[in-house]
Amino acid sequence: MNLFRTSNKDKTGSVSVPDAIQKLRDIELLLQKKQDFLETKIKKEENLARRHAKTNKTLALQALRRKKRYETYLQQVDGTLTTVEMQRETLEGAHTDKLVVESMKVASQALKTANKKLNVDEVHNVMDDLAEERDKALEVSEAISKPVGFGFDDIDEDDLLKELEEMEQEEVDQQLLNVELPSTSQDVPASTSKRKERDRPRDDDEAELAAMGQWAS
């Protein structure tokens, strides 16, 4: 630690804030070491007084006097250290605020410079141009998606509907033609059917006799 080192100075010749903060930290370290030293001395003198309290009161009293003196020094060091810590903390806070303000100034200046290069009317014009170009792109996409130029746009919707109706009518007619008529044999009673089967051989015999009669004559 070097409390007498050459400090950095600003253009006015005064010590810079970071350098001043570092000096205060060095002083804090020195005072803390002084505290440790005095506390050790106080403890030593207290033990000496206790040891000679019954055997040698003179030595015991001398030790207590030194102990009181060290305690007084320690109180002074404690007060000084508290003051230095408060000063350092205040200086650090001020330095932080200064940096924040400087940063805000730089940001403000940069924003002003950027705004000088921008114009509200120009921004609106740019947005209008973007909207116009977007509409053009949509029109192009829509035009490409339509089958234009291949004869499809000449088709009459009424003709298509008429053709569809004819196809549907043809389908109905075909279904009607495919319907099977009920068999008449199913409606004839079973007894009638059996009677016809019995009468069929008789009819055949009569026809054969008639043919033989014609041949004989």
Protein backbone atom coordinates (compact mmCIF):
# COMPACT_ATOMS: atom_id res chain seq x y z
CA MET A 1 0.00 0.00 0.00
CA ASN A 2 1.34 3.42 -0.95
CA LEU A 3 -0.54 6.44 0.33
CA PHE A 4 1.89 8.83 -1.31
CA ARG A 5 1.84 7.49 -4.83
CA THR A 6 1.48 9.87 -7.69
CA SER A 7 -2.19 10.45 -8.33
CA ASN A 8 -3.94 10.87 -11.61
CA LYS A 9 -5.17 14.41 -12.11
CA ASP A 10 -7.71 15.82 -14.49
CA LYS A 11 -7.21 18.84 -16.70
CA THR A 12 -7.84 21.26 -13.82
CA GLY A 13 -5.05 19.70 -11.74
CA SER A 14 -7.34 18.13 -9.14
CA VAL A 15 -7.35 14.45 -8.23
CA SER A 16 -9.71 12.35 -10.27
CA VAL A 17 -12.70 10.75 -8.58
CA PRO A 18 -11.53 7.11 -9.09
CA ASP A 19 -8.12 7.99 -7.67
CA ALA A 20 -9.69 9.70 -4.67
CA ILE A 21 -11.88 6.66 -4.03
CA GLN A 22 -8.82 4.42 -4.14
CA LYS A 23 -7.01 6.65 -1.64
CA LEU A 24 -9.94 6.41 0.75
CA ARG A 25 -9.89 2.64 0.44
CA ASP A 26 -6.18 2.61 1.27
CA ILE A 27 -6.84 4.70 4.35
CA GLU A 28 -9.62 2.34 5.41
CA LEU A 29 -7.22 -0.58 5.17
CA LEU A 30 -4.63 1.27 7.26
CA LEU A 31 -7.18 2.13 9.95
CA GLN A 32 -8.45 -1.46 10.08
CA LYS A 33 -4.92 -2.68 10.70
CA LYS A 34 -4.58 -0.03 13.42
CA GLN A 35 -7.77 -1.35 15.00
CA ASP A 36 -6.42 -4.89 15.07
CA PHE A 37 -3.16 -3.68 16.63
CA LEU A 38 -4.91 -1.69 19.39
CA GLU A 39 -7.33 -4.51 20.17
CA THR A 40 -4.38 -6.88 20.57
CA LYS A 41 -2.59 -4.40 22.90
CA ILE A 42 -5.73 -3.91 24.96
CA LYS A 43 -6.15 -7.64 25.41
CA LYS A 44 -2.49 -8.03 26.36
CA GLU A 45 -2.61 -5.28 29.00
CA GLU A 46 -5.83 -6.67 30.42
CA ASN A 47 -4.27 -10.12 30.83
CA LEU A 48 -1.18 -8.54 32.47
CA ALA A 49 -3.34 -6.65 34.97
CA ARG A 50 -5.25 -9.79 35.85
CA ARG A 51 -2.04 -11.75 36.35
CA HIS A 52 -0.53 -9.14 38.75
CA ALA A 53 -3.74 -8.06 40.42
CA LYS A 54 -2.88 -9.95 43.65
CA THR A 55 0.87 -10.18 43.50
CA ASN A 56 1.97 -6.76 42.22
CA LYS A 57 -0.64 -4.03 42.20
CA THR A 58 1.77 -1.44 40.80
CA LEU A 59 2.30 -3.45 37.63
CA ALA A 60 -1.39 -4.21 37.47
CA LEU A 61 -2.30 -0.50 37.68
CA GLN A 62 0.25 0.43 35.02
CA ALA A 63 -1.20 -2.21 32.73
CA LEU A 64 -4.71 -0.86 33.28
CA ARG A 65 -3.56 2.71 32.51
CA ARG A 66 -2.03 1.58 29.22
CA LYS A 67 -5.20 -0.38 28.50
CA LYS A 68 -7.34 2.74 28.98
CA ARG A 69 -5.02 4.74 26.74
CA TYR A 70 -5.22 2.12 23.99
CA GLU A 71 -9.01 2.06 24.31
CA THR A 72 -9.09 5.82 23.83
CA TYR A 73 -6.94 5.49 20.70
CA LEU A 74 -9.19 2.71 19.46
CA GLN A 75 -12.28 4.87 19.83
CA GLN A 76 -10.59 7.61 17.83
CA VAL A 77 -9.60 5.13 15.12
CA ASP A 78 -13.15 3.75 15.03
CA GLY A 79 -14.57 7.24 14.57
CA THR A 80 -12.07 8.09 11.86
CA LEU A 81 -12.73 4.84 10.02
CA THR A 82 -16.48 5.48 10.09
CA THR A 83 -15.95 8.96 8.65
CA VAL A 84 -13.66 7.66 5.89
CA GLU A 85 -16.11 4.90 4.96
CA MET A 86 -18.97 7.38 4.73
CA GLN A 87 -16.90 9.73 2.60
CA ARG A 88 -15.86 6.92 0.26
CA GLU A 89 -19.43 5.68 -0.11
CA THR A 90 -20.65 9.20 -0.82
CA LEU A 91 -17.91 9.77 -3.36
CA GLU A 92 -18.64 6.43 -5.06
CA GLY A 93 -22.33 7.32 -5.24
CA ALA A 94 -21.56 10.73 -6.73
CA HIS A 95 -19.16 9.17 -9.22
CA THR A 96 -21.79 6.62 -10.25
CA ASP A 97 -24.36 9.37 -10.68
CA LYS A 98 -21.88 11.33 -12.77
CA LEU A 99 -21.27 8.35 -15.04
CA VAL A 100 -25.00 7.77 -15.39
CA VAL A 101 -25.63 11.39 -16.31
CA GLU A 102 -22.77 11.39 -18.80
CA SER A 103 -24.11 8.23 -20.40
CA MET A 104 -27.56 9.75 -20.62
CA LYS A 105 -26.10 12.86 -22.24
CA VAL A 106 -24.29 10.74 -24.82
CA ALA A 107 -27.46 8.77 -25.51
CA SER A 108 -29.49 11.96 -25.80
CA GLN A 109 -26.99 13.46 -28.24
CA ALA A 110 -26.95 10.28 -30.29
CA LEU A 111 -30.74 10.30 -30.42
CA LYS A 112 -30.77 13.91 -31.55
CA THR A 113 -28.26 13.10 -34.29
CA ALA A 114 -30.37 10.17 -35.44
CA ASN A 115 -33.56 12.23 -35.42
CA LYS A 116 -31.91 14.93 -37.53
CA LYS A 117 -31.48 12.36 -40.29
CA LEU A 118 -35.14 11.34 -40.07
CA ASN A 119 -38.21 13.19 -41.24
CA VAL A 120 -41.75 12.31 -40.27
CA ASP A 121 -43.02 12.90 -43.80
CA GLU A 122 -40.27 10.72 -45.21
CA VAL A 123 -41.19 7.95 -42.79
CA HIS A 124 -44.82 8.14 -43.89
CA ASN A 125 -43.75 8.10 -47.52
CA VAL A 126 -41.63 5.02 -46.91
CA MET A 127 -44.53 3.25 -45.21
CA ASP A 128 -46.86 4.20 -48.09
CA ASP A 129 -44.34 2.88 -50.59
CA LEU A 130 -44.08 -0.38 -48.69
CA ALA A 131 -47.86 -0.76 -48.63
CA GLU A 132 -48.07 -0.04 -52.36
CA GLU A 133 -45.36 -2.54 -53.22
CA ARG A 134 -47.02 -5.13 -51.01
CA ASP A 135 -50.31 -4.65 -52.86
CA LYS A 136 -48.52 -5.03 -56.18
CA ALA A 137 -46.93 -8.25 -55.02
CA LEU A 138 -50.33 -9.61 -53.98
CA GLU A 139 -51.79 -8.70 -57.36
CA VAL A 140 -48.95 -10.47 -59.14
CA SER A 141 -49.40 -13.60 -57.01
CA GLU A 142 -53.14 -13.61 -57.64
CA ALA A 143 -52.64 -13.13 -61.39
CA ILE A 144 -50.14 -15.98 -61.56
CA SER A 145 -52.47 -18.33 -59.68
CA LYS A 146 -55.30 -17.87 -62.22
CA PRO A 147 -55.26 -20.14 -65.37
CA VAL A 148 -55.48 -17.22 -67.77
CA GLY A 149 -54.71 -17.68 -71.49
CA PHE A 150 -55.55 -21.42 -71.75
CA GLY A 151 -59.23 -21.11 -72.83
CA PHE A 152 -60.65 -21.86 -69.42
CA ASP A 153 -62.05 -18.38 -69.04
CA ASP A 154 -64.37 -18.93 -72.11
CA ILE A 155 -66.38 -21.76 -70.52
CA ASP A 156 -70.08 -20.96 -70.01
CA GLU A 157 -71.31 -21.94 -66.57
CA ASP A 158 -74.90 -22.37 -67.88
CA ASP A 159 -73.74 -24.97 -70.40
CA LEU A 160 -71.99 -26.86 -67.64
CA LEU A 161 -75.13 -26.87 -65.50
CA LYS A 162 -77.26 -28.06 -68.43
CA GLU A 163 -74.83 -30.88 -69.17
CA LEU A 164 -74.84 -31.89 -65.54
CA GLU A 165 -78.65 -32.05 -65.51
CA GLU A 166 -78.63 -34.27 -68.62
CA MET A 167 -76.16 -36.63 -67.00
CA GLU A 168 -78.33 -36.85 -63.91
CA GLN A 169 -81.45 -37.60 -66.03
CA GLU A 170 -79.58 -40.31 -67.91
CA GLU A 171 -78.62 -41.88 -64.62
CA VAL A 172 -82.28 -41.88 -63.48
CA ASP A 173 -83.45 -43.43 -66.78
CA GLN A 174 -80.82 -46.14 -66.54
CA GLN A 175 -81.92 -47.02 -63.03
CA LEU A 176 -85.55 -47.31 -64.21
CA LEU A 177 -84.56 -49.68 -67.02
CA ASN A 178 -82.67 -51.89 -64.64
CA VAL A 179 -85.70 -52.45 -62.39
CA GLU A 180 -86.93 -56.18 -62.68
CA LEU A 181 -90.65 -56.84 -63.13
CA PRO A 182 -92.21 -59.32 -60.65
CA SER A 183 -92.59 -62.91 -62.03
CA THR A 184 -96.20 -63.91 -62.86
CA SER A 185 -95.55 -67.45 -61.72
CA GLN A 186 -95.19 -66.23 -58.22
CA ASP A 187 -98.75 -64.87 -58.21
CA VAL A 188 -100.32 -68.15 -59.45
CA PRO A 189 -101.62 -70.39 -56.67
CA ALA A 190 -99.89 -73.66 -56.14
CA SER A 191 -103.04 -75.72 -56.90
CA THR A 192 -103.49 -74.08 -60.30
CA SER A 193 -99.89 -74.74 -61.16
CA LYS A 194 -100.26 -78.43 -60.32
CA ARG A 195 -103.46 -78.67 -62.33
CA LYS A 196 -101.76 -77.28 -65.40
CA GLU A 197 -98.99 -79.77 -65.00
CA ARG A 198 -101.55 -82.63 -64.86
CA ASP A 199 -103.49 -81.33 -67.86
CA ARG A 200 -100.46 -80.91 -70.04
CA PRO A 201 -100.02 -84.64 -70.97
CA ARG A 202 -103.75 -84.93 -71.85
CA ASP A 203 -103.54 -82.07 -74.27
CA ASP A 204 -100.58 -83.71 -75.89
CA ASP A 205 -102.48 -86.99 -76.34
CA GLU A 206 -105.47 -85.31 -77.91
CA ALA A 207 -103.25 -83.47 -80.35
CA GLU A 208 -101.59 -86.74 -81.34
CA LEU A 209 -104.98 -88.51 -81.91
CA ALA A 210 -106.17 -85.62 -84.05
CA ALA A 211 -103.12 -85.88 -86.22
CA MET A 212 -103.58 -89.63 -86.72
CA GLY A 213 -107.25 -89.09 -87.68
CA GLN A 214 -106.26 -86.65 -90.36
CA TRP A 215 -103.67 -89.09 -91.75
CA ALA A 216 -106.19 -91.94 -91.88
CA SER A 217 -108.73 -89.97 -93.81
